[in-house]
Amino acid sequence: MTKGVKIGLGVLGVIVLIFVMTISWFVGHYNSLVTLEEQVTQSWSQVENQYQRRVDLIPNLVNTVKGYATHEQETFLAVTEARSKVNNINVSSDMLNNPQAFQKFQAAQSNLGSALSRLLVTVEKYPDLKANQNFLQLQAQLEGTENRISVERRKFNQAVQGFNTTIRKFPANIIAGITGFTQKEYFNAIEGSDVAPKVEF
């Protein structure tokens, strides 16, 4: 083997090695982005589970309250309509890549939460209902669900923060741009939620 062939093979070996290292680097970063995106999706499914639990509890709660407070039809209608709007939203992980759909979902859930708050304020007028064991159990389950929703939304926001931070950093931002990874939406407080509601009896 001549000296020129040896040099040529050495150069070719270095080029192949650089190529393999570049592909390995690219694949490693791509796979870490996929892992982070899956964590966001998994966190989102936990948020959905808790919202579904809340929606499932509402008919029992409304029926229990109806037995005591038959003339509170406006409140019952508001809860039923808010629940219906939540159920009519097609919830999927694709929503995470559609800011408008995500905000629509968040607004519907906020409206449902407000309607439930009004229903629970109505209960204050009925001492017998407040002592009813079924109502107390449902109220405790609903309060627990609201706490779980809050925890899962916080976890979701943490997963989104990790993902969004990673795809904005160099060199992952290059890979994210090439492969189509985009920032995810956070759960935010609904406008006006910083103002305490007025409760009147």
N, C-alpha and C. Protein backbone atom coordinates (compact mmCIF):
# COMPACT_ATOMS: atom_id res chain seq x y z
N MET A 1 0.85 -1.17 0.00
CA MET A 1 0.00 0.00 0.00
C MET A 1 0.90 1.24 0.00
N THR A 2 0.56 2.14 -0.90
CA THR A 2 1.39 3.34 -1.02
C THR A 2 1.03 4.35 0.05
N LYS A 3 1.91 5.30 0.19
CA LYS A 3 1.71 6.35 1.20
C LYS A 3 0.46 7.17 0.90
N GLY A 4 0.18 7.45 -0.37
CA GLY A 4 -0.99 8.23 -0.76
C GLY A 4 -2.29 7.51 -0.41
N VAL A 5 -2.33 6.18 -0.60
CA VAL A 5 -3.53 5.39 -0.28
C VAL A 5 -3.76 5.39 1.23
N LYS A 6 -2.67 5.26 1.99
CA LYS A 6 -2.78 5.28 3.45
C LYS A 6 -3.35 6.62 3.93
N ILE A 7 -2.86 7.69 3.36
CA ILE A 7 -3.35 9.02 3.75
C ILE A 7 -4.82 9.16 3.36
N GLY A 8 -5.16 8.69 2.17
CA GLY A 8 -6.56 8.74 1.70
C GLY A 8 -7.49 7.95 2.60
N LEU A 9 -7.04 6.74 3.01
CA LEU A 9 -7.86 5.91 3.91
C LEU A 9 -7.98 6.58 5.29
N GLY A 10 -6.92 7.19 5.75
CA GLY A 10 -6.95 7.89 7.04
C GLY A 10 -7.93 9.05 7.01
N VAL A 11 -7.87 9.84 5.93
CA VAL A 11 -8.80 10.98 5.77
C VAL A 11 -10.23 10.47 5.69
N LEU A 12 -10.46 9.42 4.91
CA LEU A 12 -11.81 8.83 4.79
C LEU A 12 -12.30 8.32 6.14
N GLY A 13 -11.39 7.70 6.92
CA GLY A 13 -11.75 7.21 8.25
C GLY A 13 -12.17 8.36 9.17
N VAL A 14 -11.43 9.48 9.12
CA VAL A 14 -11.76 10.65 9.94
C VAL A 14 -13.12 11.21 9.52
N ILE A 15 -13.37 11.30 8.21
CA ILE A 15 -14.66 11.82 7.72
C ILE A 15 -15.81 10.92 8.18
N VAL A 16 -15.64 9.60 8.07
CA VAL A 16 -16.68 8.65 8.52
C VAL A 16 -16.90 8.79 10.02
N LEU A 17 -15.82 8.93 10.78
CA LEU A 17 -15.93 9.08 12.23
C LEU A 17 -16.69 10.36 12.58
N ILE A 18 -16.36 11.48 11.91
CA ILE A 18 -17.07 12.74 12.16
C ILE A 18 -18.54 12.60 11.80
N PHE A 19 -18.81 11.94 10.67
CA PHE A 19 -20.19 11.73 10.25
C PHE A 19 -20.96 10.91 11.29
N VAL A 20 -20.39 9.82 11.75
CA VAL A 20 -21.05 8.96 12.75
C VAL A 20 -21.27 9.72 14.06
N MET A 21 -20.27 10.51 14.48
CA MET A 21 -20.43 11.29 15.71
C MET A 21 -21.54 12.34 15.57
N THR A 22 -21.62 12.99 14.40
CA THR A 22 -22.65 13.99 14.16
C THR A 22 -24.03 13.35 14.19
N ILE A 23 -24.18 12.21 13.54
CA ILE A 23 -25.47 11.50 13.54
C ILE A 23 -25.83 11.08 14.96
N SER A 24 -24.87 10.56 15.71
CA SER A 24 -25.12 10.14 17.09
C SER A 24 -25.55 11.33 17.94
N TRP A 25 -24.88 12.46 17.77
CA TRP A 25 -25.22 13.68 18.51
C TRP A 25 -26.64 14.12 18.17
N PHE A 26 -26.96 14.15 16.88
CA PHE A 26 -28.29 14.55 16.42
C PHE A 26 -29.36 13.61 16.99
N VAL A 27 -29.14 12.31 16.88
CA VAL A 27 -30.11 11.32 17.37
C VAL A 27 -30.29 11.45 18.89
N GLY A 28 -29.20 11.65 19.61
CA GLY A 28 -29.29 11.80 21.06
C GLY A 28 -30.14 13.00 21.46
N HIS A 29 -29.90 14.14 20.82
CA HIS A 29 -30.70 15.33 21.12
C HIS A 29 -32.16 15.14 20.70
N TYR A 30 -32.37 14.55 19.52
CA TYR A 30 -33.73 14.31 19.05
C TYR A 30 -34.49 13.42 20.04
N ASN A 31 -33.84 12.35 20.48
CA ASN A 31 -34.50 11.43 21.41
C ASN A 31 -34.81 12.10 22.75
N SER A 32 -33.94 12.99 23.21
CA SER A 32 -34.24 13.68 24.47
C SER A 32 -35.43 14.63 24.29
N LEU A 33 -35.57 15.25 23.11
CA LEU A 33 -36.74 16.08 22.84
C LEU A 33 -38.02 15.25 22.81
N VAL A 34 -37.94 14.08 22.21
CA VAL A 34 -39.10 13.18 22.18
C VAL A 34 -39.50 12.79 23.61
N THR A 35 -38.51 12.49 24.44
CA THR A 35 -38.79 12.11 25.83
C THR A 35 -39.46 13.26 26.57
N LEU A 36 -38.96 14.47 26.41
CA LEU A 36 -39.56 15.63 27.08
C LEU A 36 -40.97 15.89 26.57
N GLU A 37 -41.19 15.74 25.27
CA GLU A 37 -42.53 15.95 24.72
C GLU A 37 -43.50 14.90 25.25
N GLU A 38 -43.04 13.67 25.40
CA GLU A 38 -43.89 12.62 25.96
C GLU A 38 -44.22 12.91 27.43
N GLN A 39 -43.29 13.51 28.16
CA GLN A 39 -43.58 13.89 29.54
C GLN A 39 -44.67 14.95 29.58
N VAL A 40 -44.65 15.89 28.65
CA VAL A 40 -45.71 16.90 28.56
C VAL A 40 -47.04 16.22 28.27
N THR A 41 -47.05 15.30 27.30
CA THR A 41 -48.28 14.59 26.93
C THR A 41 -48.81 13.77 28.09
N GLN A 42 -47.92 13.11 28.82
CA GLN A 42 -48.35 12.31 29.97
C GLN A 42 -48.92 13.21 31.06
N SER A 43 -48.29 14.35 31.30
CA SER A 43 -48.81 15.29 32.30
C SER A 43 -50.17 15.81 31.88
N TRP A 44 -50.32 16.06 30.60
CA TRP A 44 -51.62 16.52 30.08
C TRP A 44 -52.71 15.48 30.32
N SER A 45 -52.38 14.21 30.12
CA SER A 45 -53.39 13.17 30.33
C SER A 45 -53.82 13.10 31.80
N GLN A 46 -52.91 13.40 32.71
CA GLN A 46 -53.28 13.43 34.13
C GLN A 46 -54.22 14.61 34.43
N VAL A 47 -53.97 15.75 33.77
CA VAL A 47 -54.88 16.89 33.92
C VAL A 47 -56.27 16.48 33.40
N GLU A 48 -56.30 15.86 32.24
CA GLU A 48 -57.58 15.41 31.66
C GLU A 48 -58.30 14.45 32.59
N ASN A 49 -57.56 13.52 33.19
CA ASN A 49 -58.18 12.55 34.11
C ASN A 49 -58.88 13.26 35.26
N GLN A 50 -58.24 14.26 35.82
CA GLN A 50 -58.83 14.96 36.96
C GLN A 50 -60.03 15.81 36.53
N TYR A 51 -59.93 16.43 35.36
CA TYR A 51 -61.09 17.17 34.86
C TYR A 51 -62.26 16.22 34.60
N GLN A 52 -61.97 15.04 34.06
CA GLN A 52 -63.03 14.07 33.81
C GLN A 52 -63.66 13.63 35.12
N ARG A 53 -62.86 13.44 36.14
CA ARG A 53 -63.38 13.06 37.46
C ARG A 53 -64.34 14.12 37.96
N ARG A 54 -63.98 15.40 37.78
CA ARG A 54 -64.85 16.48 38.22
C ARG A 54 -66.17 16.45 37.44
N VAL A 55 -66.07 16.29 36.12
CA VAL A 55 -67.28 16.26 35.29
C VAL A 55 -68.18 15.10 35.70
N ASP A 56 -67.60 13.97 36.05
CA ASP A 56 -68.39 12.80 36.45
C ASP A 56 -69.08 13.01 37.79
N LEU A 57 -68.50 13.80 38.68
CA LEU A 57 -69.11 14.05 39.99
C LEU A 57 -70.28 15.03 39.93
N ILE A 58 -70.28 15.89 38.94
CA ILE A 58 -71.26 16.98 38.90
C ILE A 58 -72.71 16.51 38.89
N PRO A 59 -73.12 15.54 38.06
CA PRO A 59 -74.55 15.15 38.07
C PRO A 59 -75.03 14.70 39.45
N ASN A 60 -74.21 13.93 40.16
CA ASN A 60 -74.60 13.49 41.50
C ASN A 60 -74.75 14.66 42.46
N LEU A 61 -73.82 15.60 42.37
CA LEU A 61 -73.87 16.78 43.23
C LEU A 61 -75.11 17.61 42.93
N VAL A 62 -75.36 17.87 41.65
CA VAL A 62 -76.52 18.67 41.26
C VAL A 62 -77.81 17.98 41.69
N ASN A 63 -77.92 16.69 41.49
CA ASN A 63 -79.15 15.97 41.87
C ASN A 63 -79.37 16.00 43.38
N THR A 64 -78.30 15.89 44.14
CA THR A 64 -78.43 15.95 45.59
C THR A 64 -78.92 17.32 46.03
N VAL A 65 -78.34 18.37 45.45
CA VAL A 65 -78.74 19.73 45.81
C VAL A 65 -80.16 20.01 45.34
N LYS A 66 -80.54 19.50 44.16
CA LYS A 66 -81.90 19.72 43.63
C LYS A 66 -82.97 19.23 44.59
N GLY A 67 -82.69 18.14 45.28
CA GLY A 67 -83.66 17.60 46.22
C GLY A 67 -84.00 18.58 47.34
N TYR A 68 -83.11 19.48 47.64
CA TYR A 68 -83.31 20.44 48.72
C TYR A 68 -83.63 21.84 48.21
N ALA A 69 -83.09 22.19 47.07
CA ALA A 69 -83.18 23.57 46.60
C ALA A 69 -83.85 23.61 45.23
N THR A 70 -85.11 23.27 45.19
CA THR A 70 -85.80 23.14 43.91
C THR A 70 -85.96 24.46 43.17
N HIS A 71 -85.94 25.59 43.84
CA HIS A 71 -86.14 26.86 43.15
C HIS A 71 -84.84 27.54 42.72
N GLU A 72 -83.75 26.84 42.72
CA GLU A 72 -82.45 27.39 42.30
C GLU A 72 -82.14 26.97 40.86
N GLN A 73 -83.15 27.01 40.00
CA GLN A 73 -83.02 26.52 38.63
C GLN A 73 -81.93 27.24 37.83
N GLU A 74 -81.77 28.52 38.04
CA GLU A 74 -80.76 29.28 37.29
C GLU A 74 -79.36 28.73 37.56
N THR A 75 -79.08 28.41 38.80
CA THR A 75 -77.77 27.87 39.17
C THR A 75 -77.59 26.48 38.57
N PHE A 76 -78.64 25.64 38.66
CA PHE A 76 -78.55 24.29 38.09
C PHE A 76 -78.32 24.35 36.58
N LEU A 77 -79.01 25.26 35.93
CA LEU A 77 -78.87 25.42 34.48
C LEU A 77 -77.45 25.86 34.13
N ALA A 78 -76.89 26.77 34.89
CA ALA A 78 -75.53 27.25 34.63
C ALA A 78 -74.52 26.10 34.75
N VAL A 79 -74.67 25.28 35.79
CA VAL A 79 -73.76 24.14 35.97
C VAL A 79 -73.92 23.14 34.83
N THR A 80 -75.16 22.85 34.48
CA THR A 80 -75.42 21.87 33.42
C THR A 80 -74.87 22.36 32.08
N GLU A 81 -75.09 23.63 31.78
CA GLU A 81 -74.58 24.19 30.52
C GLU A 81 -73.06 24.20 30.49
N ALA A 82 -72.44 24.57 31.59
CA ALA A 82 -70.97 24.60 31.64
C ALA A 82 -70.41 23.19 31.48
N ARG A 83 -71.05 22.22 32.11
CA ARG A 83 -70.61 20.82 31.98
C ARG A 83 -70.76 20.35 30.54
N SER A 84 -71.86 20.73 29.91
CA SER A 84 -72.11 20.34 28.52
C SER A 84 -71.03 20.93 27.60
N LYS A 85 -70.67 22.19 27.82
CA LYS A 85 -69.64 22.82 26.99
C LYS A 85 -68.30 22.12 27.15
N VAL A 86 -67.98 21.71 28.36
CA VAL A 86 -66.74 20.98 28.59
C VAL A 86 -66.77 19.64 27.87
N ASN A 87 -67.90 18.95 27.93
CA ASN A 87 -68.00 17.65 27.28
C ASN A 87 -67.98 17.76 25.76
N ASN A 88 -68.37 18.91 25.20
CA ASN A 88 -68.40 19.07 23.75
C ASN A 88 -67.04 19.39 23.15
N ILE A 89 -66.06 19.68 23.97
CA ILE A 89 -64.72 19.96 23.46
C ILE A 89 -64.00 18.64 23.22
N ASN A 90 -63.51 18.48 22.00
CA ASN A 90 -62.78 17.27 21.66
C ASN A 90 -61.37 17.37 22.25
N VAL A 91 -61.15 16.65 23.34
CA VAL A 91 -59.89 16.73 24.06
C VAL A 91 -58.93 15.67 23.53
N SER A 92 -57.74 16.13 23.14
CA SER A 92 -56.70 15.21 22.69
C SER A 92 -55.35 15.87 22.92
N SER A 93 -54.31 15.09 22.76
CA SER A 93 -52.97 15.65 22.97
C SER A 93 -52.61 16.61 21.84
N ASP A 94 -53.33 16.58 20.70
CA ASP A 94 -53.10 17.55 19.62
C ASP A 94 -53.40 18.96 20.09
N MET A 95 -54.25 19.09 21.11
CA MET A 95 -54.62 20.39 21.65
C MET A 95 -53.38 21.12 22.18
N LEU A 96 -52.36 20.38 22.58
CA LEU A 96 -51.15 20.99 23.12
C LEU A 96 -50.39 21.80 22.07
N ASN A 97 -50.63 21.49 20.80
CA ASN A 97 -49.96 22.21 19.71
C ASN A 97 -50.87 23.25 19.06
N ASN A 98 -52.06 23.46 19.64
CA ASN A 98 -53.01 24.42 19.09
C ASN A 98 -53.40 25.40 20.20
N PRO A 99 -52.76 26.56 20.25
CA PRO A 99 -53.01 27.50 21.35
C PRO A 99 -54.48 27.93 21.47
N GLN A 100 -55.18 28.10 20.34
CA GLN A 100 -56.58 28.52 20.41
C GLN A 100 -57.45 27.43 21.03
N ALA A 101 -57.25 26.19 20.62
CA ALA A 101 -58.03 25.09 21.19
C ALA A 101 -57.71 24.91 22.67
N PHE A 102 -56.44 25.07 23.02
CA PHE A 102 -56.02 24.94 24.42
C PHE A 102 -56.68 26.02 25.27
N GLN A 103 -56.71 27.27 24.78
CA GLN A 103 -57.33 28.35 25.53
C GLN A 103 -58.84 28.17 25.63
N LYS A 104 -59.46 27.63 24.58
CA LYS A 104 -60.91 27.35 24.61
C LYS A 104 -61.21 26.30 25.69
N PHE A 105 -60.38 25.26 25.75
CA PHE A 105 -60.55 24.23 26.76
C PHE A 105 -60.39 24.81 28.16
N GLN A 106 -59.35 25.63 28.32
CA GLN A 106 -59.08 26.23 29.63
C GLN A 106 -60.23 27.14 30.05
N ALA A 107 -60.79 27.90 29.11
CA ALA A 107 -61.91 28.80 29.43
C ALA A 107 -63.15 28.00 29.81
N ALA A 108 -63.41 26.90 29.10
CA ALA A 108 -64.58 26.06 29.43
C ALA A 108 -64.43 25.47 30.82
N GLN A 109 -63.23 25.02 31.17
CA GLN A 109 -63.02 24.46 32.50
C GLN A 109 -63.17 25.54 33.57
N SER A 110 -62.71 26.73 33.27
CA SER A 110 -62.85 27.84 34.21
C SER A 110 -64.32 28.18 34.44
N ASN A 111 -65.11 28.20 33.35
CA ASN A 111 -66.55 28.47 33.48
C ASN A 111 -67.23 27.40 34.31
N LEU A 112 -66.84 26.16 34.12
CA LEU A 112 -67.41 25.07 34.91
C LEU A 112 -67.05 25.25 36.38
N GLY A 113 -65.81 25.60 36.66
CA GLY A 113 -65.39 25.85 38.04
C GLY A 113 -66.19 26.98 38.67
N SER A 114 -66.44 28.04 37.92
CA SER A 114 -67.24 29.17 38.43
C SER A 114 -68.67 28.74 38.72
N ALA A 115 -69.25 27.96 37.81
CA ALA A 115 -70.62 27.49 38.02
C ALA A 115 -70.71 26.60 39.25
N LEU A 116 -69.71 25.75 39.44
CA LEU A 116 -69.69 24.90 40.64
C LEU A 116 -69.56 25.74 41.90
N SER A 117 -68.76 26.79 41.85
CA SER A 117 -68.61 27.67 43.01
C SER A 117 -69.95 28.31 43.36
N ARG A 118 -70.68 28.75 42.33
CA ARG A 118 -72.01 29.35 42.59
C ARG A 118 -72.95 28.32 43.20
N LEU A 119 -72.86 27.07 42.72
CA LEU A 119 -73.71 26.02 43.27
C LEU A 119 -73.39 25.79 44.75
N LEU A 120 -72.12 25.77 45.09
CA LEU A 120 -71.73 25.53 46.48
C LEU A 120 -72.09 26.72 47.36
N VAL A 121 -72.10 27.94 46.81
CA VAL A 121 -72.54 29.10 47.57
C VAL A 121 -74.04 28.99 47.84
N THR A 122 -74.79 28.49 46.87
CA THR A 122 -76.23 28.30 47.03
C THR A 122 -76.54 27.39 48.20
N VAL A 123 -75.69 26.41 48.40
CA VAL A 123 -75.89 25.42 49.46
C VAL A 123 -75.95 26.07 50.84
N GLU A 124 -75.26 27.19 50.99
CA GLU A 124 -75.23 27.87 52.29
C GLU A 124 -76.62 28.26 52.77
N LYS A 125 -77.56 28.40 51.85
CA LYS A 125 -78.93 28.79 52.21
C LYS A 125 -79.73 27.62 52.80
N TYR A 126 -79.20 26.41 52.71
CA TYR A 126 -79.96 25.22 53.08
C TYR A 126 -79.23 24.41 54.15
N PRO A 127 -79.50 24.71 55.41
CA PRO A 127 -78.80 24.01 56.49
C PRO A 127 -79.01 22.49 56.47
N ASP A 128 -80.23 22.05 56.08
CA ASP A 128 -80.48 20.61 56.03
C ASP A 128 -79.58 19.93 54.99
N LEU A 129 -79.39 20.60 53.89
CA LEU A 129 -78.54 20.04 52.84
C LEU A 129 -77.10 19.96 53.31
N LYS A 130 -76.65 20.99 54.01
CA LYS A 130 -75.27 20.99 54.49
C LYS A 130 -75.01 19.85 55.47
N ALA A 131 -76.06 19.32 56.08
CA ALA A 131 -75.91 18.21 57.02
C ALA A 131 -76.12 16.85 56.36
N ASN A 132 -76.57 16.83 55.10
CA ASN A 132 -76.85 15.60 54.38
C ASN A 132 -75.54 14.85 54.10
N GLN A 133 -75.50 13.57 54.47
CA GLN A 133 -74.27 12.78 54.34
C GLN A 133 -73.84 12.62 52.89
N ASN A 134 -74.79 12.37 51.98
CA ASN A 134 -74.43 12.23 50.57
C ASN A 134 -73.80 13.51 50.04
N PHE A 135 -74.40 14.64 50.40
CA PHE A 135 -73.87 15.91 49.94
C PHE A 135 -72.46 16.14 50.50
N LEU A 136 -72.29 15.84 51.77
CA LEU A 136 -70.98 16.05 52.39
C LEU A 136 -69.90 15.20 51.71
N GLN A 137 -70.26 13.95 51.37
CA GLN A 137 -69.30 13.08 50.68
C GLN A 137 -68.97 13.62 49.29
N LEU A 138 -70.02 14.03 48.57
CA LEU A 138 -69.80 14.58 47.23
C LEU A 138 -68.97 15.86 47.29
N GLN A 139 -69.27 16.70 48.26
CA GLN A 139 -68.53 17.95 48.41
C GLN A 139 -67.05 17.66 48.71
N ALA A 140 -66.80 16.69 49.57
CA ALA A 140 -65.42 16.32 49.90
C ALA A 140 -64.70 15.77 48.66
N GLN A 141 -65.40 14.95 47.86
CA GLN A 141 -64.79 14.40 46.65
C GLN A 141 -64.49 15.51 45.65
N LEU A 142 -65.42 16.45 45.53
CA LEU A 142 -65.22 17.56 44.61
C LEU A 142 -64.05 18.44 45.05
N GLU A 143 -63.96 18.72 46.34
CA GLU A 143 -62.84 19.52 46.85
C GLU A 143 -61.52 18.79 46.61
N GLY A 144 -61.52 17.49 46.84
CA GLY A 144 -60.31 16.70 46.58
C GLY A 144 -59.94 16.72 45.11
N THR A 145 -60.94 16.65 44.26
CA THR A 145 -60.69 16.69 42.82
C THR A 145 -60.13 18.04 42.40
N GLU A 146 -60.68 19.12 42.96
CA GLU A 146 -60.16 20.46 42.64
C GLU A 146 -58.69 20.57 43.07
N ASN A 147 -58.35 20.00 44.21
CA ASN A 147 -56.94 20.00 44.65
C ASN A 147 -56.07 19.19 43.70
N ARG A 148 -56.59 18.04 43.26
CA ARG A 148 -55.83 17.20 42.32
C ARG A 148 -55.63 17.93 40.99
N ILE A 149 -56.68 18.62 40.54
CA ILE A 149 -56.56 19.39 39.29
C ILE A 149 -55.44 20.41 39.43
N SER A 150 -55.43 21.11 40.55
CA SER A 150 -54.39 22.13 40.78
C SER A 150 -53.00 21.50 40.76
N VAL A 151 -52.84 20.37 41.41
CA VAL A 151 -51.53 19.68 41.45
C VAL A 151 -51.13 19.23 40.05
N GLU A 152 -52.06 18.64 39.32
CA GLU A 152 -51.73 18.13 37.98
C GLU A 152 -51.44 19.27 37.01
N ARG A 153 -52.14 20.39 37.15
CA ARG A 153 -51.83 21.54 36.29
C ARG A 153 -50.43 22.08 36.59
N ARG A 154 -50.06 22.08 37.87
CA ARG A 154 -48.71 22.53 38.24
C ARG A 154 -47.67 21.59 37.63
N LYS A 155 -47.90 20.28 37.73
CA LYS A 155 -46.96 19.31 37.15
C LYS A 155 -46.88 19.47 35.63
N PHE A 156 -48.04 19.71 35.02
CA PHE A 156 -48.07 19.92 33.58
C PHE A 156 -47.24 21.14 33.21
N ASN A 157 -47.43 22.24 33.93
CA ASN A 157 -46.66 23.46 33.65
C ASN A 157 -45.16 23.22 33.84
N GLN A 158 -44.78 22.40 34.81
CA GLN A 158 -43.36 22.09 35.00
C GLN A 158 -42.81 21.30 33.82
N ALA A 159 -43.62 20.33 33.32
CA ALA A 159 -43.19 19.54 32.16
C ALA A 159 -43.08 20.44 30.93
N VAL A 160 -44.04 21.36 30.76
CA VAL A 160 -44.00 22.29 29.64
C VAL A 160 -42.77 23.20 29.75
N GLN A 161 -42.47 23.66 30.97
CA GLN A 161 -41.31 24.52 31.17
C GLN A 161 -40.02 23.79 30.76
N GLY A 162 -39.89 22.54 31.19
CA GLY A 162 -38.70 21.76 30.83
C GLY A 162 -38.57 21.58 29.33
N PHE A 163 -39.68 21.28 28.68
CA PHE A 163 -39.68 21.08 27.23
C PHE A 163 -39.37 22.39 26.51
N ASN A 164 -40.12 23.46 26.85
CA ASN A 164 -39.93 24.75 26.18
C ASN A 164 -38.52 25.29 26.38
N THR A 165 -37.97 25.13 27.57
CA THR A 165 -36.61 25.60 27.85
C THR A 165 -35.61 24.85 26.98
N THR A 166 -35.78 23.55 26.89
CA THR A 166 -34.84 22.73 26.12
C THR A 166 -34.87 23.08 24.64
N ILE A 167 -36.07 23.25 24.07
CA ILE A 167 -36.11 23.51 22.62
C ILE A 167 -35.67 24.93 22.27
N ARG A 168 -35.52 25.79 23.26
CA ARG A 168 -35.03 27.15 23.01
C ARG A 168 -33.51 27.25 23.17
N LYS A 169 -32.89 26.26 23.81
CA LYS A 169 -31.44 26.30 24.05
C LYS A 169 -30.68 25.79 22.83
N PHE A 170 -29.50 26.34 22.66
CA PHE A 170 -28.61 25.86 21.61
C PHE A 170 -27.89 24.61 22.11
N PRO A 171 -27.73 23.59 21.35
CA PRO A 171 -28.04 23.36 19.95
C PRO A 171 -29.39 22.68 19.73
N ALA A 172 -30.12 22.41 20.82
CA ALA A 172 -31.40 21.71 20.67
C ALA A 172 -32.38 22.53 19.85
N ASN A 173 -32.24 23.86 19.87
CA ASN A 173 -33.16 24.69 19.09
C ASN A 173 -33.02 24.43 17.59
N ILE A 174 -31.82 24.09 17.15
CA ILE A 174 -31.61 23.77 15.74
C ILE A 174 -32.32 22.47 15.39
N ILE A 175 -32.14 21.47 16.24
CA ILE A 175 -32.78 20.17 16.01
C ILE A 175 -34.30 20.30 16.11
N ALA A 176 -34.78 21.08 17.08
CA ALA A 176 -36.22 21.29 17.24
C ALA A 176 -36.79 21.96 15.99
N GLY A 177 -36.08 22.94 15.47
CA GLY A 177 -36.54 23.62 14.26
C GLY A 177 -36.58 22.71 13.05
N ILE A 178 -35.56 21.88 12.92
CA ILE A 178 -35.49 20.95 11.78
C ILE A 178 -36.58 19.89 11.87
N THR A 179 -36.83 19.39 13.08
CA THR A 179 -37.74 18.25 13.24
C THR A 179 -39.17 18.65 13.61
N GLY A 180 -39.44 19.96 13.76
CA GLY A 180 -40.82 20.41 13.96
C GLY A 180 -41.30 20.47 15.39
N PHE A 181 -40.42 20.43 16.36
CA PHE A 181 -40.86 20.59 17.75
C PHE A 181 -41.17 22.07 18.00
N THR A 182 -42.33 22.35 18.57
CA THR A 182 -42.72 23.73 18.87
C THR A 182 -43.06 23.87 20.34
N GLN A 183 -43.04 25.12 20.81
CA GLN A 183 -43.34 25.37 22.22
C GLN A 183 -44.78 24.98 22.54
N LYS A 184 -44.99 24.53 23.78
CA LYS A 184 -46.31 24.15 24.29
C LYS A 184 -46.89 25.29 25.11
N GLU A 185 -48.22 25.31 25.23
CA GLU A 185 -48.91 26.32 26.02
C GLU A 185 -48.92 25.94 27.49
N TYR A 186 -48.82 26.94 28.35
CA TYR A 186 -48.95 26.75 29.79
C TYR A 186 -50.42 26.91 30.18
N PHE A 187 -50.78 26.31 31.31
CA PHE A 187 -52.05 26.66 31.95
C PHE A 187 -51.82 28.00 32.62
N ASN A 188 -52.68 28.95 32.33
CA ASN A 188 -52.58 30.28 32.93
C ASN A 188 -53.86 30.59 33.68
N ALA A 189 -53.78 31.51 34.59
CA ALA A 189 -54.99 31.97 35.27
C ALA A 189 -55.87 32.69 34.26
N ILE A 190 -57.15 32.48 34.38
CA ILE A 190 -58.11 33.14 33.50
C ILE A 190 -58.17 34.62 33.89
N GLU A 191 -58.32 35.48 32.89
CA GLU A 191 -58.38 36.91 33.14
C GLU A 191 -59.48 37.24 34.15
N GLY A 192 -59.14 38.02 35.14
CA GLY A 192 -60.10 38.40 36.17
C GLY A 192 -60.09 37.50 37.39
N SER A 193 -59.29 36.43 37.35
CA SER A 193 -59.28 35.50 38.48
C SER A 193 -58.53 36.07 39.68
N ASP A 194 -57.86 37.21 39.48
CA ASP A 194 -57.16 37.84 40.60
C ASP A 194 -58.10 38.69 41.46
N VAL A 195 -59.36 38.83 41.01
CA VAL A 195 -60.35 39.59 41.76
C VAL A 195 -61.23 38.61 42.51
N ALA A 196 -61.35 38.81 43.81
CA ALA A 196 -62.17 37.90 44.64
C ALA A 196 -63.64 38.05 44.26
N PRO A 197 -64.37 36.92 44.11
CA PRO A 197 -65.79 37.02 43.78
C PRO A 197 -66.60 37.51 44.97
N LYS A 198 -67.72 38.18 44.68
CA LYS A 198 -68.62 38.61 45.73
C LYS A 198 -69.57 37.49 46.06
N VAL A 199 -69.71 37.20 47.33
CA VAL A 199 -70.63 36.15 47.80
C VAL A 199 -71.70 36.82 48.62
N GLU A 200 -72.95 36.66 48.17
CA GLU A 200 -74.06 37.26 48.89
C GLU A 200 -75.06 36.19 49.25
N PHE A 201 -75.59 36.26 50.47
CA PHE A 201 -76.61 35.30 50.93
C PHE A 201 -77.91 36.03 51.11
